[in-house]
Amino acid sequence: MSSFNEYQKEAFEFARYRTVFYPFMALGEECGEAQALIAKSMRKHGNLSGVDKYKFAKELGDVLWNVAACATEMGLSLADIAEDNLDKLKERRANGTIVER
């Protein structure tokens, strides 16, 4: 996949839901599943060492699909969203809101 917009277009071919609200609601559910993997590792190990990266990547993929579906339903481009977000972060860094590590 060479771009966010190509992913967005291809991913939406798999969109099969009864109501336009589905991806907006499912986004929270998928984020929760990714968080659960982190929480379990933190509870058992006190760090991220117990996170199954393969499972985590699969959950992040589900989050990404729902983000793409939400963007599509709102008539937004993932590439534009990503670019705008980078611009916002650069502005925050320039304003001192984000400090270097």
PDB file of N, CA and C in Angstrom:
ATOM      1  N   MET A   1       0.858  -1.169   0.000  1.00  0.00           N
ATOM      2  CA  MET A   1       0.000   0.000   0.000  1.00  0.00           C
ATOM      3  C   MET A   1       0.900   1.225   0.000  1.00  0.00           C
ATOM      4  N   SER A   2       0.718   2.064  -0.972  1.00  0.00           N
ATOM      5  CA  SER A   2       1.645   3.189  -1.097  1.00  0.00           C
ATOM      6  C   SER A   2       1.135   4.484  -0.488  1.00  0.00           C
ATOM      7  N   SER A   3      -0.119   4.551  -0.112  1.00  0.00           N
ATOM      8  CA  SER A   3      -0.589   5.794   0.484  1.00  0.00           C
ATOM      9  C   SER A   3      -1.807   5.561   1.354  1.00  0.00           C
ATOM     10  N   PHE A   4      -2.027   6.505   2.251  1.00  0.00           N
ATOM     11  CA  PHE A   4      -3.224   6.440   3.091  1.00  0.00           C
ATOM     12  C   PHE A   4      -4.489   6.402   2.242  1.00  0.00           C
ATOM     13  N   ASN A   5      -4.532   7.208   1.190  1.00  0.00           N
ATOM     14  CA  ASN A   5      -5.756   7.272   0.399  1.00  0.00           C
ATOM     15  C   ASN A   5      -6.025   5.973  -0.346  1.00  0.00           C
ATOM     16  N   GLU A   6      -4.975   5.303  -0.799  1.00  0.00           N
ATOM     17  CA  GLU A   6      -5.165   4.011  -1.449  1.00  0.00           C
ATOM     18  C   GLU A   6      -5.688   2.997  -0.439  1.00  0.00           C
ATOM     19  N   TYR A   7      -5.114   2.999   0.762  1.00  0.00           N
ATOM     20  CA  TYR A   7      -5.603   2.112   1.814  1.00  0.00           C
ATOM     21  C   TYR A   7      -7.073   2.400   2.099  1.00  0.00           C
ATOM     22  N   GLN A   8      -7.383   3.678   2.255  1.00  0.00           N
ATOM     23  CA  GLN A   8      -8.748   4.084   2.590  1.00  0.00           C
ATOM     24  C   GLN A   8      -9.734   3.571   1.545  1.00  0.00           C
ATOM     25  N   LYS A   9      -9.393   3.741   0.296  1.00  0.00           N
ATOM     26  CA  LYS A   9     -10.288   3.322  -0.782  1.00  0.00           C
ATOM     27  C   LYS A   9     -10.452   1.798  -0.794  1.00  0.00           C
ATOM     28  N   GLU A  10      -9.335   1.072  -0.695  1.00  0.00           N
ATOM     29  CA  GLU A  10      -9.416  -0.386  -0.740  1.00  0.00           C
ATOM     30  C   GLU A  10     -10.099  -0.949   0.511  1.00  0.00           C
ATOM     31  N   ALA A  11      -9.790  -0.384   1.668  1.00  0.00           N
ATOM     32  CA  ALA A  11     -10.379  -0.873   2.918  1.00  0.00           C
ATOM     33  C   ALA A  11     -11.891  -0.694   2.915  1.00  0.00           C
ATOM     34  N   PHE A  12     -12.355   0.401   2.329  1.00  0.00           N
ATOM     35  CA  PHE A  12     -13.796   0.667   2.351  1.00  0.00           C
ATOM     36  C   PHE A  12     -14.581  -0.317   1.492  1.00  0.00           C
ATOM     37  N   GLU A  13     -13.895  -1.022   0.610  1.00  0.00           N
ATOM     38  CA  GLU A  13     -14.571  -2.051  -0.179  1.00  0.00           C
ATOM     39  C   GLU A  13     -15.096  -3.174   0.717  1.00  0.00           C
ATOM     40  N   PHE A  14     -14.573  -3.273   1.944  1.00  0.00           N
ATOM     41  CA  PHE A  14     -14.993  -4.304   2.875  1.00  0.00           C
ATOM     42  C   PHE A  14     -16.059  -3.805   3.855  1.00  0.00           C
ATOM     43  N   ALA A  15     -16.478  -2.567   3.690  1.00  0.00           N
ATOM     44  CA  ALA A  15     -17.462  -1.983   4.601  1.00  0.00           C
ATOM     45  C   ALA A  15     -18.832  -2.611   4.357  1.00  0.00           C
ATOM     46  N   ARG A  16     -19.294  -3.362   5.336  1.00  0.00           N
ATOM     47  CA  ARG A  16     -20.612  -4.001   5.265  1.00  0.00           C
ATOM     48  C   ARG A  16     -21.279  -3.812   6.623  1.00  0.00           C
ATOM     49  N   TYR A  17     -21.961  -2.717   6.772  1.00  0.00           N
ATOM     50  CA  TYR A  17     -22.667  -2.478   8.019  1.00  0.00           C
ATOM     51  C   TYR A  17     -24.014  -1.864   7.714  1.00  0.00           C
ATOM     52  N   ARG A  18     -24.931  -2.012   8.649  1.00  0.00           N
ATOM     53  CA  ARG A  18     -26.325  -1.607   8.428  1.00  0.00           C
ATOM     54  C   ARG A  18     -26.569  -0.128   8.653  1.00  0.00           C
ATOM     55  N   THR A  19     -25.714   0.502   9.436  1.00  0.00           N
ATOM     56  CA  THR A  19     -25.913   1.915   9.730  1.00  0.00           C
ATOM     57  C   THR A  19     -24.579   2.646   9.635  1.00  0.00           C
ATOM     58  N   VAL A  20     -24.637   3.868   9.171  1.00  0.00           N
ATOM     59  CA  VAL A  20     -23.444   4.690   9.005  1.00  0.00           C
ATOM     60  C   VAL A  20     -22.732   4.905  10.342  1.00  0.00           C
ATOM     61  N   PHE A  21     -23.432   4.720  11.439  1.00  0.00           N
ATOM     62  CA  PHE A  21     -22.852   4.949  12.766  1.00  0.00           C
ATOM     63  C   PHE A  21     -21.915   3.833  13.211  1.00  0.00           C
ATOM     64  N   TYR A  22     -21.991   2.686  12.558  1.00  0.00           N
ATOM     65  CA  TYR A  22     -21.212   1.524  13.000  1.00  0.00           C
ATOM     66  C   TYR A  22     -19.721   1.808  13.172  1.00  0.00           C
ATOM     67  N   PRO A  23     -19.016   2.325  12.165  1.00  0.00           N
ATOM     68  CA  PRO A  23     -17.567   2.486  12.359  1.00  0.00           C
ATOM     69  C   PRO A  23     -17.206   3.481  13.461  1.00  0.00           C
ATOM     70  N   PHE A  24     -18.077   4.442  13.709  1.00  0.00           N
ATOM     71  CA  PHE A  24     -17.822   5.413  14.768  1.00  0.00           C
ATOM     72  C   PHE A  24     -17.892   4.741  16.135  1.00  0.00           C
ATOM     73  N   MET A  25     -18.849   3.839  16.300  1.00  0.00           N
ATOM     74  CA  MET A  25     -18.997   3.113  17.560  1.00  0.00           C
ATOM     75  C   MET A  25     -17.949   2.007  17.682  1.00  0.00           C
ATOM     76  N   ALA A  26     -17.676   1.319  16.602  1.00  0.00           N
ATOM     77  CA  ALA A  26     -16.719   0.212  16.623  1.00  0.00           C
ATOM     78  C   ALA A  26     -15.296   0.705  16.865  1.00  0.00           C
ATOM     79  N   LEU A  27     -15.016   1.947  16.500  1.00  0.00           N
ATOM     80  CA  LEU A  27     -13.677   2.508  16.722  1.00  0.00           C
ATOM     81  C   LEU A  27     -13.307   2.435  18.205  1.00  0.00           C
ATOM     82  N   GLY A  28     -14.224   2.824  19.068  1.00  0.00           N
ATOM     83  CA  GLY A  28     -13.966   2.765  20.506  1.00  0.00           C
ATOM     84  C   GLY A  28     -13.736   1.340  20.974  1.00  0.00           C
ATOM     85  N   GLU A  29     -14.531   0.422  20.454  1.00  0.00           N
ATOM     86  CA  GLU A  29     -14.385  -0.991  20.820  1.00  0.00           C
ATOM     87  C   GLU A  29     -13.005  -1.516  20.429  1.00  0.00           C
ATOM     88  N   GLU A  30     -12.579  -1.208  19.215  1.00  0.00           N
ATOM     89  CA  GLU A  30     -11.276  -1.694  18.745  1.00  0.00           C
ATOM     90  C   GLU A  30     -10.120  -1.062  19.513  1.00  0.00           C
ATOM     91  N   CYS A  31     -10.254   0.210  19.854  1.00  0.00           N
ATOM     92  CA  CYS A  31      -9.225   0.856  20.684  1.00  0.00           C
ATOM     93  C   CYS A  31      -9.143   0.157  22.035  1.00  0.00           C
ATOM     94  N   GLY A  32     -10.294  -0.203  22.578  1.00  0.00           N
ATOM     95  CA  GLY A  32     -10.337  -0.902  23.857  1.00  0.00           C
ATOM     96  C   GLY A  32      -9.655  -2.254  23.790  1.00  0.00           C
ATOM     97  N   GLU A  33      -9.806  -2.954  22.686  1.00  0.00           N
ATOM     98  CA  GLU A  33      -9.148  -4.255  22.543  1.00  0.00           C
ATOM     99  C   GLU A  33      -7.628  -4.093  22.502  1.00  0.00           C
ATOM    100  N   ALA A  34      -7.151  -3.054  21.829  1.00  0.00           N
ATOM    101  CA  ALA A  34      -5.710  -2.784  21.808  1.00  0.00           C
ATOM    102  C   ALA A  34      -5.230  -2.400  23.209  1.00  0.00           C
ATOM    103  N   GLN A  35      -5.997  -1.569  23.898  1.00  0.00           N
ATOM    104  CA  GLN A  35      -5.641  -1.159  25.253  1.00  0.00           C
ATOM    105  C   GLN A  35      -5.617  -2.348  26.206  1.00  0.00           C
ATOM    106  N   ALA A  36      -6.514  -3.283  26.019  1.00  0.00           N
ATOM    107  CA  ALA A  36      -6.575  -4.453  26.900  1.00  0.00           C
ATOM    108  C   ALA A  36      -5.287  -5.258  26.840  1.00  0.00           C
ATOM    109  N   LEU A  37      -4.693  -5.359  25.668  1.00  0.00           N
ATOM    110  CA  LEU A  37      -3.425  -6.080  25.546  1.00  0.00           C
ATOM    111  C   LEU A  37      -2.320  -5.381  26.333  1.00  0.00           C
ATOM    112  N   ILE A  38      -2.327  -4.056  26.298  1.00  0.00           N
ATOM    113  CA  ILE A  38      -1.343  -3.278  27.045  1.00  0.00           C
ATOM    114  C   ILE A  38      -1.607  -3.418  28.546  1.00  0.00           C
ATOM    115  N   ALA A  39      -2.867  -3.285  28.945  1.00  0.00           N
ATOM    116  CA  ALA A  39      -3.225  -3.374  30.361  1.00  0.00           C
ATOM    117  C   ALA A  39      -2.832  -4.726  30.951  1.00  0.00           C
ATOM    118  N   LYS A  40      -3.071  -5.781  30.202  1.00  0.00           N
ATOM    119  CA  LYS A  40      -2.731  -7.126  30.677  1.00  0.00           C
ATOM    120  C   LYS A  40      -1.229  -7.247  30.908  1.00  0.00           C
ATOM    121  N   SER A  41      -0.437  -6.728  29.991  1.00  0.00           N
ATOM    122  CA  SER A  41       1.013  -6.780  30.148  1.00  0.00           C
ATOM    123  C   SER A  41       1.475  -5.936  31.334  1.00  0.00           C
ATOM    124  N   MET A  42       0.865  -4.772  31.486  1.00  0.00           N
ATOM    125  CA  MET A  42       1.232  -3.902  32.607  1.00  0.00           C
ATOM    126  C   MET A  42       0.882  -4.571  33.938  1.00  0.00           C
ATOM    127  N   ARG A  43      -0.262  -5.245  33.983  1.00  0.00           N
ATOM    128  CA  ARG A  43      -0.691  -5.917  35.203  1.00  0.00           C
ATOM    129  C   ARG A  43       0.236  -7.086  35.547  1.00  0.00           C
ATOM    130  N   LYS A  44       0.608  -7.863  34.536  1.00  0.00           N
ATOM    131  CA  LYS A  44       1.414  -9.060  34.776  1.00  0.00           C
ATOM    132  C   LYS A  44       2.909  -8.786  34.873  1.00  0.00           C
ATOM    133  N   HIS A  45       3.401  -7.810  34.078  1.00  0.00           N
ATOM    134  CA  HIS A  45       4.841  -7.594  33.972  1.00  0.00           C
ATOM    135  C   HIS A  45       5.297  -6.216  34.441  1.00  0.00           C
ATOM    136  N   GLY A  46       4.366  -5.289  34.547  1.00  0.00           N
ATOM    137  CA  GLY A  46       4.728  -3.931  34.934  1.00  0.00           C
ATOM    138  C   GLY A  46       5.331  -3.116  33.804  1.00  0.00           C
ATOM    139  N   ASN A  47       5.300  -3.688  32.593  1.00  0.00           N
ATOM    140  CA  ASN A  47       5.841  -3.000  31.414  1.00  0.00           C
ATOM    141  C   ASN A  47       5.212  -3.613  30.155  1.00  0.00           C
ATOM    142  N   LEU A  48       5.765  -3.290  29.006  1.00  0.00           N
ATOM    143  CA  LEU A  48       5.196  -3.764  27.738  1.00  0.00           C
ATOM    144  C   LEU A  48       5.777  -5.094  27.262  1.00  0.00           C
ATOM    145  N   SER A  49       6.635  -5.715  28.076  1.00  0.00           N
ATOM    146  CA  SER A  49       7.326  -6.922  27.615  1.00  0.00           C
ATOM    147  C   SER A  49       6.380  -8.087  27.320  1.00  0.00           C
ATOM    148  N   GLY A  50       5.222  -8.101  27.927  1.00  0.00           N
ATOM    149  CA  GLY A  50       4.293  -9.205  27.719  1.00  0.00           C
ATOM    150  C   GLY A  50       3.314  -8.998  26.584  1.00  0.00           C
ATOM    151  N   VAL A  51       3.433  -7.900  25.875  1.00  0.00           N
ATOM    152  CA  VAL A  51       2.491  -7.629  24.774  1.00  0.00           C
ATOM    153  C   VAL A  51       2.854  -8.499  23.574  1.00  0.00           C
ATOM    154  N   ASP A  52       1.886  -9.244  23.093  1.00  0.00           N
ATOM    155  CA  ASP A  52       2.060 -10.014  21.872  1.00  0.00           C
ATOM    156  C   ASP A  52       1.973  -9.016  20.719  1.00  0.00           C
ATOM    157  N   LYS A  53       3.101  -8.705  20.116  1.00  0.00           N
ATOM    158  CA  LYS A  53       3.141  -7.672  19.074  1.00  0.00           C
ATOM    159  C   LYS A  53       2.299  -8.040  17.866  1.00  0.00           C
ATOM    160  N   TYR A  54       2.206  -9.318  17.570  1.00  0.00           N
ATOM    161  CA  TYR A  54       1.384  -9.747  16.440  1.00  0.00           C
ATOM    162  C   TYR A  54      -0.088  -9.434  16.712  1.00  0.00           C
ATOM    163  N   LYS A  55      -0.568  -9.795  17.909  1.00  0.00           N
ATOM    164  CA  LYS A  55      -1.961  -9.505  18.265  1.00  0.00           C
ATOM    165  C   LYS A  55      -2.202  -7.998  18.322  1.00  0.00           C
ATOM    166  N   PHE A  56      -1.225  -7.272  18.879  1.00  0.00           N
ATOM    167  CA  PHE A  56      -1.371  -5.822  18.989  1.00  0.00           C
ATOM    168  C   PHE A  56      -1.456  -5.188  17.603  1.00  0.00           C
ATOM    169  N   ALA A  57      -0.618  -5.643  16.688  1.00  0.00           N
ATOM    170  CA  ALA A  57      -0.653  -5.119  15.313  1.00  0.00           C
ATOM    171  C   ALA A  57      -2.000  -5.403  14.662  1.00  0.00           C
ATOM    172  N   LYS A  58      -2.563  -6.587  14.921  1.00  0.00           N
ATOM    173  CA  LYS A  58      -3.881  -6.921  14.360  1.00  0.00           C
ATOM    174  C   LYS A  58      -4.956  -5.978  14.911  1.00  0.00           C
ATOM    175  N   GLU A  59      -4.884  -5.687  16.208  1.00  0.00           N
ATOM    176  CA  GLU A  59      -5.861  -4.770  16.804  1.00  0.00           C
ATOM    177  C   GLU A  59      -5.686  -3.354  16.247  1.00  0.00           C
ATOM    178  N   LEU A  60      -4.435  -2.920  16.080  1.00  0.00           N
ATOM    179  CA  LEU A  60      -4.199  -1.598  15.486  1.00  0.00           C
ATOM    180  C   LEU A  60      -4.729  -1.550  14.053  1.00  0.00           C
ATOM    181  N   GLY A  61      -4.628  -2.669  13.343  1.00  0.00           N
ATOM    182  CA  GLY A  61      -5.201  -2.734  12.002  1.00  0.00           C
ATOM    183  C   GLY A  61      -6.705  -2.529  12.027  1.00  0.00           C
ATOM    184  N   ASP A  62      -7.370  -3.114  13.022  1.00  0.00           N
ATOM    185  CA  ASP A  62      -8.817  -2.915  13.156  1.00  0.00           C
ATOM    186  C   ASP A  62      -9.136  -1.459  13.497  1.00  0.00           C
ATOM    187  N   VAL A  63      -8.304  -0.847  14.344  1.00  0.00           N
ATOM    188  CA  VAL A  63      -8.481   0.579  14.655  1.00  0.00           C
ATOM    189  C   VAL A  63      -8.333   1.395  13.376  1.00  0.00           C
ATOM    190  N   LEU A  64      -7.291   1.098  12.598  1.00  0.00           N
ATOM    191  CA  LEU A  64      -7.049   1.836  11.359  1.00  0.00           C
ATOM    192  C   LEU A  64      -8.208   1.688  10.383  1.00  0.00           C
ATOM    193  N   TRP A  65      -8.744   0.466  10.268  1.00  0.00           N
ATOM    194  CA  TRP A  65      -9.869   0.268   9.361  1.00  0.00           C
ATOM    195  C   TRP A  65     -11.048   1.137   9.772  1.00  0.00           C
ATOM    196  N   ASN A  66     -11.342   1.168  11.068  1.00  0.00           N
ATOM    197  CA  ASN A  66     -12.464   1.976  11.539  1.00  0.00           C
ATOM    198  C   ASN A  66     -12.204   3.462  11.372  1.00  0.00           C
ATOM    199  N   VAL A  67     -10.973   3.905  11.590  1.00  0.00           N
ATOM    200  CA  VAL A  67     -10.637   5.315  11.349  1.00  0.00           C
ATOM    201  C   VAL A  67     -10.872   5.638   9.873  1.00  0.00           C
ATOM    202  N   ALA A  68     -10.412   4.751   8.989  1.00  0.00           N
ATOM    203  CA  ALA A  68     -10.593   4.976   7.554  1.00  0.00           C
ATOM    204  C   ALA A  68     -12.074   5.007   7.182  1.00  0.00           C
ATOM    205  N   ALA A  69     -12.871   4.107   7.773  1.00  0.00           N
ATOM    206  CA  ALA A  69     -14.308   4.087   7.481  1.00  0.00           C
ATOM    207  C   ALA A  69     -14.978   5.359   7.989  1.00  0.00           C
ATOM    208  N   CYS A  70     -14.589   5.801   9.185  1.00  0.00           N
ATOM    209  CA  CYS A  70     -15.153   7.049   9.725  1.00  0.00           C
ATOM    210  C   CYS A  70     -14.802   8.225   8.811  1.00  0.00           C
ATOM    211  N   ALA A  71     -13.556   8.282   8.384  1.00  0.00           N
ATOM    212  CA  ALA A  71     -13.130   9.364   7.491  1.00  0.00           C
ATOM    213  C   ALA A  71     -13.923   9.326   6.190  1.00  0.00           C
ATOM    214  N   THR A  72     -14.076   8.135   5.638  1.00  0.00           N
ATOM    215  CA  THR A  72     -14.819   7.995   4.384  1.00  0.00           C
ATOM    216  C   THR A  72     -16.261   8.441   4.556  1.00  0.00           C
ATOM    217  N   GLU A  73     -16.896   8.001   5.624  1.00  0.00           N
ATOM    218  CA  GLU A  73     -18.291   8.379   5.868  1.00  0.00           C
ATOM    219  C   GLU A  73     -18.445   9.892   6.037  1.00  0.00           C
ATOM    220  N   MET A  74     -17.400  10.557   6.515  1.00  0.00           N
ATOM    221  CA  MET A  74     -17.445  12.009   6.709  1.00  0.00           C
ATOM    222  C   MET A  74     -16.917  12.773   5.496  1.00  0.00           C
ATOM    223  N   GLY A  75     -16.521  12.038   4.436  1.00  0.00           N
ATOM    224  CA  GLY A  75     -16.017  12.683   3.238  1.00  0.00           C
ATOM    225  C   GLY A  75     -14.626  13.267   3.418  1.00  0.00           C
ATOM    226  N   LEU A  76     -13.839  12.654   4.306  1.00  0.00           N
ATOM    227  CA  LEU A  76     -12.484  13.135   4.588  1.00  0.00           C
ATOM    228  C   LEU A  76     -11.443  12.184   4.029  1.00  0.00           C
ATOM    229  N   SER A  77     -10.281  12.707   3.753  1.00  0.00           N
ATOM    230  CA  SER A  77      -9.167  11.937   3.225  1.00  0.00           C
ATOM    231  C   SER A  77      -8.182  11.617   4.341  1.00  0.00           C
ATOM    232  N   LEU A  78      -7.799  10.329   4.464  1.00  0.00           N
ATOM    233  CA  LEU A  78      -6.801   9.951   5.468  1.00  0.00           C
ATOM    234  C   LEU A  78      -5.481  10.678   5.243  1.00  0.00           C
ATOM    235  N   ALA A  79      -5.093  10.858   3.998  1.00  0.00           N
ATOM    236  CA  ALA A  79      -3.841  11.566   3.716  1.00  0.00           C
ATOM    237  C   ALA A  79      -3.916  13.005   4.213  1.00  0.00           C
ATOM    238  N   ASP A  80      -5.035  13.663   3.989  1.00  0.00           N
ATOM    239  CA  ASP A  80      -5.205  15.035   4.479  1.00  0.00           C
ATOM    240  C   ASP A  80      -5.206  15.080   6.000  1.00  0.00           C
ATOM    241  N   ILE A  81      -5.878  14.118   6.608  1.00  0.00           N
ATOM    242  CA  ILE A  81      -5.914  14.051   8.073  1.00  0.00           C
ATOM    243  C   ILE A  81      -4.507  13.890   8.622  1.00  0.00           C
ATOM    244  N   ALA A  82      -3.732  12.984   8.039  1.00  0.00           N
ATOM    245  CA  ALA A  82      -2.361  12.743   8.498  1.00  0.00           C
ATOM    246  C   ALA A  82      -1.493  13.984   8.314  1.00  0.00           C
ATOM    247  N   GLU A  83      -1.605  14.624   7.166  1.00  0.00           N
ATOM    248  CA  GLU A  83      -0.818  15.829   6.895  1.00  0.00           C
ATOM    249  C   GLU A  83      -1.198  16.961   7.854  1.00  0.00           C
ATOM    250  N   ASP A  84      -2.484  17.162   8.061  1.00  0.00           N
ATOM    251  CA  ASP A  84      -2.945  18.199   8.991  1.00  0.00           C
ATOM    252  C   ASP A  84      -2.464  17.919  10.411  1.00  0.00           C
ATOM    253  N   ASN A  85      -2.461  16.647  10.798  1.00  0.00           N
ATOM    254  CA  ASN A  85      -2.008  16.288  12.128  1.00  0.00           C
ATOM    255  C   ASN A  85      -0.519  16.586  12.299  1.00  0.00           C
ATOM    256  N   LEU A  86       0.283  16.271  11.287  1.00  0.00           N
ATOM    257  CA  LEU A  86       1.716  16.590  11.358  1.00  0.00           C
ATOM    258  C   LEU A  86       1.936  18.095  11.455  1.00  0.00           C
ATOM    259  N   ASP A  87       1.171  18.850  10.689  1.00  0.00           N
ATOM    260  CA  ASP A  87       1.279  20.313  10.762  1.00  0.00           C
ATOM    261  C   ASP A  87       0.954  20.807  12.169  1.00  0.00           C
ATOM    262  N   LYS A  88      -0.098  20.260  12.777  1.00  0.00           N
ATOM    263  CA  LYS A  88      -0.493  20.650  14.129  1.00  0.00           C
ATOM    264  C   LYS A  88       0.613  20.313  15.131  1.00  0.00           C
ATOM    265  N   LEU A  89       1.203  19.122  14.986  1.00  0.00           N
ATOM    266  CA  LEU A  89       2.269  18.710  15.904  1.00  0.00           C
ATOM    267  C   LEU A  89       3.508  19.583  15.753  1.00  0.00           C
ATOM    268  N   LYS A  90       3.845  19.925  14.522  1.00  0.00           N
ATOM    269  CA  LYS A  90       4.997  20.806  14.293  1.00  0.00           C
ATOM    270  C   LYS A  90       4.765  22.177  14.914  1.00  0.00           C
ATOM    271  N   GLU A  91       3.529  22.669  14.798  1.00  0.00           N
ATOM    272  CA  GLU A  91       3.189  23.960  15.388  1.00  0.00           C
ATOM    273  C   GLU A  91       3.287  23.889  16.917  1.00  0.00           C
ATOM    274  N   ARG A  92       2.817  22.811  17.491  1.00  0.00           N
ATOM    275  CA  ARG A  92       2.898  22.642  18.945  1.00  0.00           C
ATOM    276  C   ARG A  92       4.352  22.587  19.411  1.00  0.00           C
ATOM    277  N   ARG A  93       5.185  21.884  18.636  1.00  0.00           N
ATOM    278  CA  ARG A  93       6.605  21.812  18.996  1.00  0.00           C
ATOM    279  C   ARG A  93       7.238  23.190  18.908  1.00  0.00           C
ATOM    280  N   ALA A  94       6.900  23.933  17.854  1.00  0.00           N
ATOM    281  CA  ALA A  94       7.454  25.282  17.670  1.00  0.00           C
ATOM    282  C   ALA A  94       7.001  26.225  18.798  1.00  0.00           C
ATOM    283  N   ASN A  95       5.786  25.999  19.324  1.00  0.00           N
ATOM    284  CA  ASN A  95       5.250  26.836  20.397  1.00  0.00           C
ATOM    285  C   ASN A  95       5.705  26.382  21.778  1.00  0.00           C
ATOM    286  N   GLY A  96       6.445  25.277  21.838  1.00  0.00           N
ATOM    287  CA  GLY A  96       6.929  24.773  23.117  1.00  0.00           C
ATOM    288  C   GLY A  96       5.948  23.888  23.854  1.00  0.00           C
ATOM    289  N   THR A  97       4.806  23.584  23.229  1.00  0.00           N
ATOM    290  CA  THR A  97       3.832  22.699  23.848  1.00  0.00           C
ATOM    291  C   THR A  97       4.359  21.274  23.904  1.00  0.00           C
ATOM    292  N   ILE A  98       5.079  20.888  22.879  1.00  0.00           N
ATOM    293  CA  ILE A  98       5.726  19.574  22.823  1.00  0.00           C
ATOM    294  C   ILE A  98       7.226  19.835  22.993  1.00  0.00           C
ATOM    295  N   VAL A  99       7.798  19.228  24.005  1.00  0.00           N
ATOM    296  CA  VAL A  99       9.229  19.430  24.260  1.00  0.00           C
ATOM    297  C   VAL A  99      10.002  18.204  23.790  1.00  0.00           C
ATOM    298  N   GLU A 100      11.238  18.424  23.414  1.00  0.00           N
ATOM    299  CA  GLU A 100      12.095  17.328  22.951  1.00  0.00           C
ATOM    300  C   GLU A 100      12.382  16.371  24.101  1.00  0.00           C
ATOM    301  N   ARG A 101      12.574  15.136  23.778  1.00  0.00           N
ATOM    302  CA  ARG A 101      12.909  14.129  24.797  1.00  0.00           C
ATOM    303  C   ARG A 101      14.348  14.264  25.197  1.00  0.00           C
TER     304      ARG A 101
END
